[in-house]
Protein backbone atom coordinates (compact mmCIF):
# COMPACT_ATOMS: atom_id res chain seq x y z
CA MET A 1 0.00 0.00 0.00
CA GLN A 2 2.94 2.32 0.68
CA LYS A 3 4.13 1.80 -2.93
CA ILE A 4 0.70 2.70 -4.28
CA ALA A 5 0.73 5.93 -2.26
CA ILE A 6 4.15 6.76 -3.64
CA LEU A 7 2.87 6.20 -7.19
CA LEU A 8 -0.03 8.58 -6.65
CA VAL A 9 2.24 11.25 -5.25
CA LEU A 10 4.61 10.71 -8.17
CA ALA A 11 1.76 11.03 -10.66
CA ALA A 12 0.55 14.24 -9.06
CA GLY A 13 3.97 15.79 -9.53
CA LEU A 14 4.69 14.39 -13.01
CA THR A 15 1.46 14.77 -14.97
CA ALA A 16 1.66 18.30 -16.30
CA PRO A 17 0.58 18.70 -19.93
CA ALA A 18 2.77 21.19 -21.70
CA SER A 19 0.67 22.02 -24.75
CA ALA A 20 -2.53 21.30 -26.62
CA GLN A 21 -0.64 19.22 -29.18
CA THR A 22 -1.16 15.51 -28.59
CA ALA A 23 1.35 12.70 -28.19
CA ARG A 24 1.15 8.91 -28.47
CA LEU A 25 2.39 6.14 -26.19
CA THR A 26 3.16 2.63 -27.44
CA GLY A 27 4.96 -0.21 -25.78
CA THR A 28 5.24 -3.84 -24.77
CA VAL A 29 4.46 -5.71 -21.57
CA PHE A 30 6.55 -8.88 -21.24
CA ASP A 31 6.46 -11.76 -18.79
CA HIS A 32 10.17 -12.41 -18.21
CA MET A 33 9.41 -15.31 -15.88
CA ARG A 34 7.68 -17.32 -18.63
CA ASN A 35 9.51 -15.62 -21.49
CA ILE A 36 6.27 -14.69 -23.30
CA PRO A 37 4.42 -11.44 -24.12
CA LEU A 38 1.82 -10.56 -21.51
CA ALA A 39 -1.57 -10.33 -23.21
CA GLY A 40 -4.58 -8.75 -21.51
CA ALA A 41 -2.57 -6.42 -19.26
CA GLU A 42 -4.18 -3.05 -18.49
CA VAL A 43 -1.60 -0.31 -19.00
CA PHE A 44 -2.48 3.04 -17.43
CA LEU A 45 -1.05 6.46 -16.76
CA VAL A 46 -1.04 6.87 -12.98
CA GLY A 47 -3.48 9.51 -11.74
CA THR A 48 -5.25 9.83 -15.12
CA GLU A 49 -8.04 8.07 -17.02
CA TYR A 50 -5.76 7.10 -19.91
CA ASN A 51 -5.38 3.33 -20.36
CA ALA A 52 -5.15 0.50 -22.91
CA VAL A 53 -5.13 -3.31 -22.93
CA THR A 54 -2.28 -5.30 -24.47
CA ASN A 55 -2.98 -7.55 -27.46
CA GLN A 56 -1.76 -11.11 -27.99
CA ASP A 57 1.73 -9.79 -28.72
CA GLY A 58 1.81 -7.84 -25.47
CA ARG A 59 1.63 -4.54 -27.39
CA PHE A 60 -0.48 -1.53 -26.45
CA PHE A 61 -1.24 1.91 -27.84
CA ILE A 62 -2.59 5.03 -26.13
CA PRO A 63 -3.27 7.98 -28.47
CA ASP A 64 -4.30 11.61 -27.95
CA LEU A 65 -2.17 12.35 -24.88
CA PRO A 66 -1.35 15.93 -23.87
CA ALA A 67 2.40 16.47 -23.96
CA GLY A 68 4.02 16.26 -20.55
CA LEU A 69 5.56 13.99 -17.94
CA TYR A 70 3.74 10.79 -16.89
CA ALA A 71 4.13 7.70 -14.74
CA VAL A 72 3.21 4.48 -16.58
CA SER A 73 2.24 1.23 -14.84
CA PHE A 74 0.06 -1.82 -15.50
CA ARG A 75 -2.29 -4.35 -13.88
CA HIS A 76 -2.67 -8.07 -14.61
CA ALA A 77 -3.94 -11.19 -12.85
CA GLN A 78 -0.41 -12.58 -12.94
CA LEU A 79 0.68 -9.73 -10.66
CA ASP A 80 -1.98 -10.72 -8.12
CA LEU A 81 -0.77 -14.32 -8.14
CA LEU A 82 2.81 -13.18 -7.54
CA ASP A 83 1.74 -10.47 -5.07
CA VAL A 84 3.80 -7.97 -7.04
CA ILE A 85 3.16 -4.25 -7.54
CA PRO A 86 5.25 -3.03 -10.51
CA ASP A 87 7.15 0.23 -10.26
CA ALA A 88 5.87 3.03 -12.43
CA VAL A 89 8.07 4.06 -15.35
CA THR A 90 8.51 7.78 -15.93
CA VAL A 91 8.05 8.97 -19.52
CA ARG A 92 8.13 12.41 -21.07
CA MET A 93 5.59 12.76 -23.86
CA GLU A 94 6.52 15.27 -26.53
CA ALA A 95 3.96 17.07 -28.65
CA ASP A 96 3.24 15.32 -31.96
CA GLY A 97 5.61 12.50 -31.03
CA THR A 98 5.41 8.79 -30.20
CA THR A 99 7.14 7.31 -27.16
CA ASP A 100 7.76 3.59 -26.73
CA VAL A 101 8.05 2.03 -23.24
CA GLN A 102 8.92 -1.48 -22.09
CA LEU A 103 7.15 -2.93 -19.04
CA GLY A 104 7.39 -6.39 -17.58
CA ILE A 105 7.19 -9.05 -14.87
CA PRO A 106 9.13 -9.04 -12.64
CA ALA A 107 9.37 -5.27 -12.37
CA GLU A 108 13.00 -4.36 -12.90
CA PRO A 109 14.92 -1.10 -13.21
CA ARG A 110 16.02 -2.25 -16.66
CA GLN A 111 12.71 -1.04 -18.08
CA ARG A 112 13.58 1.71 -20.48
CA VAL A 113 11.95 4.57 -22.32
CA VAL A 114 12.84 5.08 -25.96
CA PRO A 115 12.09 8.64 -27.13
CA SER A 116 10.52 8.45 -30.54
CA ARG A 117 10.01 11.69 -32.34
CA PRO A 118 9.69 10.77 -35.10
CA ALA A 119 8.33 7.31 -34.22
CA PRO A 120 10.97 4.57 -34.58
CA ALA A 121 10.50 1.41 -36.57
CA ARG A 122 9.50 -1.64 -34.56
CA THR A 123 11.93 -4.51 -34.14
CA THR A 124 10.12 -6.24 -37.00
CA GLY A 125 10.83 -3.28 -39.28
CA GLY A 126 8.46 -0.75 -40.77
CA ALA A 127 6.22 1.76 -39.05
CA ALA A 128 2.97 1.77 -37.09
CA LEU A 129 -0.55 2.27 -38.39
CA VAL A 130 -3.18 3.26 -35.85
CA GLY A 131 -6.82 4.03 -36.32
CA VAL A 132 -10.41 3.62 -35.32
CA VAL A 133 -13.31 1.74 -36.92
CA VAL A 134 -16.77 3.32 -36.70
CA GLU A 135 -20.19 2.81 -38.24
CA ALA A 136 -20.69 4.81 -41.42
CA GLY A 137 -22.51 8.07 -40.82
CA SER A 138 -21.92 8.02 -37.07
CA VAL A 139 -19.19 7.96 -34.47
CA ARG A 140 -20.32 4.68 -32.95
CA PRO A 141 -17.22 2.47 -32.56
CA VAL A 142 -17.16 -1.04 -33.98
CA ALA A 143 -15.55 -3.41 -31.48
CA GLY A 144 -14.15 -6.81 -32.44
CA ALA A 145 -13.52 -5.96 -36.11
CA ASN A 146 -10.65 -7.79 -37.81
CA VAL A 147 -8.08 -5.38 -39.25
CA SER A 148 -5.18 -6.54 -41.43
CA ILE A 149 -2.68 -5.53 -44.07
CA SER A 150 -3.35 -7.42 -47.29
CA GLY A 151 -0.62 -9.86 -48.27
CA SER A 152 0.99 -9.93 -44.83
CA ALA A 153 0.61 -11.53 -41.42
CA ILE A 154 0.04 -8.14 -39.78
CA ARG A 155 -3.38 -8.07 -38.14
CA SER A 156 -5.24 -6.86 -35.07
CA THR A 157 -8.71 -6.60 -33.55
CA THR A 158 -10.46 -3.39 -32.55
CA ASP A 159 -11.04 -2.79 -28.86
CA ALA A 160 -14.22 -1.57 -27.13
CA ARG A 161 -13.62 1.94 -28.51
CA GLY A 162 -13.05 0.69 -32.05
CA ARG A 163 -9.33 1.41 -31.88
CA PHE A 164 -6.54 -0.69 -33.37
CA VAL A 165 -2.80 -0.53 -33.95
CA LEU A 166 -0.71 -2.41 -36.51
CA PHE A 167 3.05 -2.62 -36.00
CA GLY A 168 5.77 -3.43 -38.53
CA VAL A 169 3.91 -2.03 -41.55
CA ALA A 170 6.17 -1.58 -44.57
CA PRO A 171 6.45 2.02 -45.85
CA GLY A 172 4.48 2.98 -48.93
CA PRO A 173 0.94 2.30 -50.15
CA GLN A 174 -0.71 -0.58 -48.29
CA MET A 175 -4.12 -2.23 -48.61
CA LEU A 176 -5.92 -2.05 -45.26
CA GLN A 177 -8.73 -4.58 -44.92
CA VAL A 178 -11.45 -4.41 -42.26
CA GLU A 179 -14.03 -7.16 -41.72
CA MET A 180 -16.83 -7.55 -39.22
CA LEU A 181 -19.82 -9.88 -39.23
CA GLY A 182 -22.97 -7.91 -40.04
CA TYR A 183 -21.08 -5.19 -41.92
CA ALA A 184 -19.84 -4.90 -45.48
CA SER A 185 -16.10 -5.56 -45.71
CA ARG A 186 -13.98 -2.48 -46.35
CA ALA A 187 -10.64 -2.17 -48.14
CA GLU A 188 -8.71 1.10 -48.31
CA ILE A 189 -5.31 2.16 -49.59
CA VAL A 190 -3.27 3.88 -46.89
CA THR A 191 0.17 5.38 -47.32
CA VAL A 192 2.68 4.66 -44.56
CA THR A 193 5.66 6.98 -44.13
CA PRO A 194 8.94 5.53 -42.82
CA ASN A 195 9.53 6.18 -39.11
CA ARG A 196 6.14 7.83 -38.70
CA THR A 197 2.84 6.68 -37.23
CA ALA A 198 0.03 6.79 -39.77
CA GLU A 199 -3.53 7.37 -38.54
CA VAL A 200 -6.75 6.37 -40.27
CA THR A 201 -10.49 6.27 -39.60
CA VAL A 202 -12.44 3.47 -41.27
CA GLN A 203 -16.19 3.61 -41.69
CA LEU A 204 -18.10 0.35 -42.06
CA SER A 205 -21.49 0.24 -43.72
CA THR A 206 -24.24 -1.32 -41.62
CA ARG A 207 -25.49 -3.13 -44.74
CA PRO A 208 -25.59 -6.79 -43.69
CA VAL A 209 -23.17 -9.07 -45.48
CA GLU A 210 -25.01 -11.53 -47.69
CA LEU A 211 -24.26 -15.06 -46.49
CA ALA A 212 -24.46 -18.24 -48.51
CA PRO A 213 -27.83 -19.99 -48.15
CA LEU A 214 -28.01 -22.78 -45.62
CA GLU A 215 -28.59 -26.30 -46.87
CA VAL A 216 -31.02 -28.12 -44.61
CA SER A 217 -31.43 -31.88 -44.86
CA VAL A 218 -34.37 -33.62 -43.20
CA ARG A 219 -33.69 -36.93 -41.48
CA SER A 220 -36.33 -39.60 -41.18
CA ASP A 221 -37.01 -40.72 -37.61
CA ARG A 222 -37.82 -44.18 -38.93
CA LEU A 223 -34.50 -44.48 -40.75
CA ASP A 224 -32.70 -43.02 -37.75
CA ARG A 225 -34.12 -45.70 -35.45
CA ALA A 226 -33.21 -48.38 -37.99
CA GLY A 227 -29.58 -47.24 -37.93
CA TYR A 228 -29.59 -46.24 -41.60
CA TYR A 229 -27.76 -42.95 -41.15
CA ASP A 230 -25.13 -44.53 -38.92
CA ARG A 231 -24.37 -47.16 -41.56
CA ARG A 232 -24.45 -44.63 -44.41
CA ASP A 233 -21.95 -42.37 -42.63
CA ASP A 234 -19.74 -45.21 -41.36
CA PRO A 235 -16.42 -45.07 -43.27
CA GLY A 236 -15.88 -48.76 -42.45
CA LEU A 237 -18.87 -49.83 -44.55
CA SER A 238 -18.84 -49.83 -48.34
CA GLY A 239 -22.34 -49.83 -49.71
CA PHE A 240 -24.68 -48.15 -52.17
CA TYR A 241 -27.30 -45.87 -50.64
CA ILE A 242 -30.37 -44.80 -52.59
CA GLU A 243 -32.80 -42.42 -50.91
CA ARG A 244 -36.26 -41.09 -51.64
CA GLU A 245 -34.84 -38.00 -53.33
CA ASP A 246 -32.78 -40.16 -55.73
CA ILE A 247 -35.83 -42.24 -56.69
CA GLU A 248 -37.94 -39.16 -57.40
CA LYS A 249 -35.16 -37.35 -59.23
CA ARG A 250 -34.71 -40.28 -61.65
CA ASN A 251 -38.46 -40.93 -61.98
CA MET A 252 -38.00 -44.59 -61.05
CA ILE A 253 -41.15 -46.68 -60.86
CA ALA A 254 -39.83 -50.24 -60.36
CA PHE A 255 -37.05 -51.93 -58.37
CA GLN A 256 -35.45 -53.17 -61.57
CA GLU A 257 -34.72 -49.54 -62.49
CA VAL A 258 -33.10 -48.99 -59.11
CA PHE A 259 -30.92 -52.09 -59.31
CA GLN A 260 -29.81 -51.31 -62.85
CA THR A 261 -27.79 -48.42 -61.41
CA ILE A 262 -25.57 -50.89 -59.48
CA PRO A 263 -23.05 -52.67 -61.75
CA ALA A 264 -22.78 -55.76 -59.52
CA ILE A 265 -26.53 -56.58 -59.69
CA PHE A 266 -28.27 -58.47 -62.44
CA PHE A 267 -31.46 -60.49 -62.86
CA GLN A 268 -31.45 -64.16 -63.81
CA TYR A 269 -34.47 -66.24 -64.72
CA VAL A 270 -34.47 -69.32 -62.50
CA GLU A 271 -37.57 -70.73 -64.17
CA PRO A 272 -40.00 -69.45 -66.77
CA GLY A 273 -41.49 -66.18 -65.62
CA VAL A 274 -39.49 -66.03 -62.37
CA ARG A 275 -36.44 -63.76 -61.98
CA GLN A 276 -33.88 -63.83 -59.22
CA ILE A 277 -31.57 -61.05 -58.07
CA ARG A 278 -27.94 -62.10 -58.14
CA PHE A 279 -24.61 -60.44 -57.38
CA ARG A 280 -21.44 -60.88 -59.37
CA ARG A 281 -18.81 -62.22 -57.04
CA ALA A 282 -15.34 -60.75 -56.78
CA ILE A 283 -12.68 -62.61 -58.74
CA GLY A 284 -11.21 -65.46 -56.72
CA SER A 285 -14.07 -65.62 -54.20
CA GLY A 286 -15.45 -68.88 -55.55
CA GLY A 287 -18.28 -69.09 -58.08
CA GLU A 288 -19.21 -66.38 -60.51
CA PHE A 289 -22.62 -65.44 -59.08
CA CYS A 290 -24.37 -65.58 -55.72
CA VAL A 291 -27.77 -64.81 -54.22
CA PRO A 292 -27.87 -61.88 -51.74
CA ALA A 293 -30.09 -61.67 -48.68
CA ILE A 294 -33.03 -59.28 -48.96
CA PHE A 295 -34.64 -57.48 -46.02
CA ILE A 296 -37.68 -55.21 -45.90
CA ASP A 297 -37.88 -53.05 -42.77
CA GLY A 298 -35.46 -55.45 -41.09
CA ALA A 299 -37.43 -58.63 -41.89
CA ARG A 300 -35.99 -61.30 -44.19
CA PHE A 301 -37.64 -61.35 -47.62
CA ALA A 302 -37.52 -64.32 -49.98
CA ASN A 303 -35.53 -64.21 -53.20
CA PRO A 304 -36.40 -64.79 -56.17
CA VAL A 305 -38.36 -61.70 -57.13
CA GLY A 306 -40.34 -60.58 -60.12
CA SER A 307 -42.58 -63.65 -60.31
CA MET A 308 -44.93 -63.46 -63.25
CA SER A 309 -46.72 -66.68 -62.32
CA ASP A 310 -49.90 -66.90 -60.30
CA ARG A 311 -48.34 -69.11 -57.63
CA SER A 312 -48.94 -67.26 -54.37
CA GLN A 313 -46.06 -68.98 -52.56
CA ARG A 314 -43.57 -66.98 -54.64
CA SER A 315 -42.53 -63.67 -53.04
CA ASP A 316 -42.56 -60.79 -55.47
CA LEU A 317 -40.39 -57.77 -54.59
CA ASP A 318 -42.09 -55.69 -57.28
CA ALA A 319 -45.27 -56.09 -55.27
CA VAL A 320 -43.79 -53.52 -52.86
CA PRO A 321 -44.65 -50.11 -54.34
CA LEU A 322 -41.48 -48.12 -54.97
CA MET A 323 -43.34 -44.98 -53.98
CA ALA A 324 -43.55 -46.40 -50.45
CA VAL A 325 -39.78 -46.82 -50.19
CA SER A 326 -37.79 -44.36 -48.09
CA ALA A 327 -34.26 -45.73 -48.65
CA ILE A 328 -32.38 -48.72 -50.03
CA GLU A 329 -29.01 -50.07 -48.89
CA ILE A 330 -27.03 -52.44 -51.11
CA TYR A 331 -23.91 -54.26 -49.89
CA VAL A 332 -21.97 -56.52 -52.25
CA GLY A 333 -19.90 -59.38 -50.85
CA ALA A 334 -18.56 -59.28 -47.30
CA THR A 335 -19.13 -55.51 -46.98
CA ALA A 336 -22.63 -56.04 -45.53
CA PRO A 337 -23.22 -55.40 -41.80
CA ILE A 338 -22.81 -58.64 -39.89
CA GLN A 339 -26.48 -58.86 -38.86
CA TYR A 340 -27.59 -58.74 -42.49
CA GLY A 341 -24.82 -60.36 -44.52
CA ASN A 342 -24.83 -63.92 -45.86
CA GLY A 343 -21.39 -63.92 -47.48
CA CYS A 344 -22.81 -62.81 -50.84
CA GLY A 345 -24.23 -59.46 -49.84
CA ALA A 346 -27.46 -57.85 -48.78
CA ILE A 347 -30.23 -55.56 -49.97
CA LEU A 348 -31.99 -53.58 -47.24
CA ILE A 349 -35.24 -51.83 -48.16
CA TRP A 350 -36.82 -49.36 -45.79
CA THR A 351 -40.38 -48.13 -46.29
CA ARG A 352 -41.85 -44.84 -45.18
């Protein structure tokens, strides 16, 4: 508490703006204990309302400061954990100039102030670009907007007051891009002068950005309960899946039309007027053809199909109206799920 009192007394004696011309303060807060930049630190000028929060690189920017002498300090949760109160760093802000200060954990006297009129290049080279993003036709700030330099990795995000700062910008004309959900994207050419801090105000139109239409697929509860979607989406199964939309799109009216789309299926007459569905076996699997198992809504269905006789004991698959079918699964060979396979393959028909 004694150190805090000293800081307040120091601030009272140091903060004395010298002119109406404004200055800028930039800097870095670094965690020397973990050897990483300290993001989310609140940097403030003691005894004033001026403050900023460090970005992911530990950098901060405070614009529009009256020229004068200030004490700079910062707050962060890491300081509370360590029970550390950092010493304030004294900086003299010159009118129309930019000063860079280094702060860190633990607080050490090695913290230094680098006078910067004109503003120096960052360690990454180039200059700084600062600005504010507002709604077009107003002064309402746009927080959370993504700001970047086209063709580079330089980017930032606007704070609650719409402000941003980009370091290491190469001198010359640069394409500044600003994007925010709900606003039209904005791209502007800005000219950056070596060893100077460029300032820009970007206005975003409130015209909503047109998004691609959503594709909505409707799942059948009946097929879901039957496990159809799980099998269809299982990368370990290799089958053919024909759904209601496919049948309607191709104007199919009979099962023979459906099966003709699968190269491994063919019909063979086992006796006059009676056809049987058969699969072509893989080479080397023994026998050229085989008879697959057929299931309708999970119940075993007799094969052959397509009986044109009047013998009622023959099961006729074509007697099932195709318009009543919701989905068809076809598995050739040993690819069929174990509960349905017979070594040759399986045809699973699900009605609506």
